[in-house]
Protein backbone atom coordinates (compact mmCIF):
# COMPACT_ATOMS: atom_id res chain seq x y z
CA UNK A 1 81.73 34.07 72.05
CA UNK A 2 78.00 34.53 71.33
CA UNK A 3 76.74 31.78 73.63
CA UNK A 4 77.55 29.85 76.76
CA UNK A 5 76.60 26.20 77.19
CA UNK A 6 76.65 24.59 80.61
CA UNK A 7 76.56 20.79 80.42
CA UNK A 8 74.44 18.95 82.97
CA UNK A 9 77.52 17.33 84.55
CA UNK A 10 78.82 20.81 85.43
CA UNK A 11 75.75 21.79 87.50
CA UNK A 12 76.43 21.85 91.25
CA UNK A 13 74.05 19.69 93.32
CA UNK A 14 73.31 20.41 97.01
CA UNK A 15 70.71 19.73 99.70
CA UNK A 16 69.58 22.34 102.23
CA UNK A 17 66.68 22.57 104.71
CA UNK A 18 64.57 19.87 103.04
CA UNK A 19 65.18 20.87 99.42
CA UNK A 20 67.37 19.54 96.61
CA UNK A 21 69.17 22.19 94.58
CA UNK A 22 70.72 22.16 91.12
CA UNK A 23 72.76 25.37 91.05
CA UNK A 24 73.42 26.73 87.57
CA UNK A 25 76.12 29.28 86.77
CA UNK A 26 75.09 32.94 87.06
CA UNK A 27 73.85 34.37 83.79
CA UNK A 28 74.30 38.10 83.23
CA UNK A 29 72.74 39.70 86.32
CA UNK A 30 70.74 36.70 87.57
CA UNK A 31 71.35 33.40 89.31
CA UNK A 32 69.38 30.25 88.44
CA UNK A 33 68.65 27.29 90.71
CA UNK A 34 66.36 24.30 90.18
CA UNK A 35 64.60 23.45 93.45
CA UNK A 36 62.93 20.10 94.17
CA UNK A 37 61.19 19.29 97.43
CA UNK A 38 58.68 16.75 98.73
CA UNK A 39 57.76 18.82 101.83
CA UNK A 40 59.01 22.37 101.46
CA UNK A 41 61.79 24.65 102.69
CA UNK A 42 62.12 24.17 106.45
CA UNK A 43 63.78 27.56 107.00
CA UNK A 44 62.38 31.08 106.99
CA UNK A 45 64.71 33.69 105.52
CA UNK A 46 64.86 36.92 103.60
CA UNK A 47 67.38 38.33 101.18
CA UNK A 48 68.65 41.87 101.62
CA UNK A 49 69.12 42.63 97.90
CA UNK A 50 67.72 39.98 95.51
CA UNK A 51 64.32 39.56 93.94
CA UNK A 52 63.43 35.84 94.02
CA UNK A 53 61.31 34.61 91.11
CA UNK A 54 59.95 31.06 91.26
CA UNK A 55 58.59 29.29 88.17
CA UNK A 56 56.50 26.30 89.28
CA UNK A 57 57.36 23.44 86.90
CA UNK A 58 55.49 20.65 88.73
CA UNK A 59 53.41 20.20 91.85
CA UNK A 60 51.66 22.59 94.18
CA UNK A 61 52.10 24.15 97.60
CA UNK A 62 52.05 27.35 99.61
CA UNK A 63 54.59 30.11 100.05
CA UNK A 64 54.46 32.07 103.29
CA UNK A 65 55.55 35.65 102.63
CA UNK A 66 55.74 37.84 105.72
CA UNK A 67 53.28 35.32 107.28
CA UNK A 68 50.76 35.63 104.40
CA UNK A 69 49.94 32.36 102.57
CA UNK A 70 50.19 32.41 98.77
CA UNK A 71 49.09 29.17 97.04
CA UNK A 72 50.99 28.10 93.91
CA UNK A 73 50.64 25.34 91.35
CA UNK A 74 52.22 24.13 88.12
CA UNK A 75 52.58 26.96 85.60
CA UNK A 76 52.53 29.80 88.15
CA UNK A 77 55.30 32.40 88.43
CA UNK A 78 55.86 34.13 91.77
CA UNK A 79 58.22 37.12 92.21
CA UNK A 80 59.23 38.15 95.73
CA UNK A 81 60.82 41.49 96.57
CA UNK A 82 63.95 41.80 98.76
CA UNK A 83 63.47 41.87 102.54
CA UNK A 84 60.33 39.69 102.35
CA UNK A 85 60.40 36.76 104.79
CA UNK A 86 60.02 33.49 102.81
CA UNK A 87 59.39 29.83 103.44
CA UNK A 88 57.26 27.31 101.57
CA UNK A 89 55.53 23.95 101.91
CA UNK A 90 54.43 21.40 99.36
CA UNK A 91 55.69 18.98 96.77
CA UNK A 92 57.31 21.33 94.27
CA UNK A 93 59.71 21.33 91.34
CA UNK A 94 60.70 24.93 90.54
CA UNK A 95 63.19 27.14 88.80
CA UNK A 96 64.38 29.93 91.10
CA UNK A 97 65.84 33.03 89.49
CA UNK A 98 67.56 35.58 91.74
CA UNK A 99 68.29 39.11 90.53
CA UNK A 100 70.98 40.09 91.36
CA UNK A 101 72.50 36.60 91.82
CA UNK A 102 72.27 35.03 95.26
CA UNK A 103 75.08 35.93 97.64
CA UNK A 104 75.25 34.11 101.03
CA UNK A 105 76.10 37.36 102.83
CA UNK A 106 72.72 38.83 101.82
CA UNK A 107 70.62 35.99 103.25
CA UNK A 108 69.20 36.46 106.74
CA UNK A 109 67.76 33.43 108.51
CA UNK A 110 64.76 34.43 110.63
CA UNK A 111 63.74 30.90 111.76
CA UNK A 112 65.89 27.79 111.38
CA UNK A 113 63.04 25.28 111.60
CA UNK A 114 59.42 25.89 110.58
CA UNK A 115 58.00 22.44 111.36
């Protein structure tokens, strides 16, 4: 087959640490998740192996990467290397692409609650 179509009804929906997630099937060597939040991600974590790339579809906010603030807004693309501590605040609608795909065993929580 030369294509793969995932219908919207097949997309897994979850909530975690103040964010709503639409989890799409892995594509090739990447995972794709749509992230929507009114406040941010109330958990600081890092991933041992994956690069996290966020495409800001709507809104604005701040990512905190190893305690350094990086402001983002609609249209921005932010790529974060493995082993970088991450959390973010703001009203944001984003596509998150992880390469390689996210694996729960590679995520390390460094703080369970930021605010």
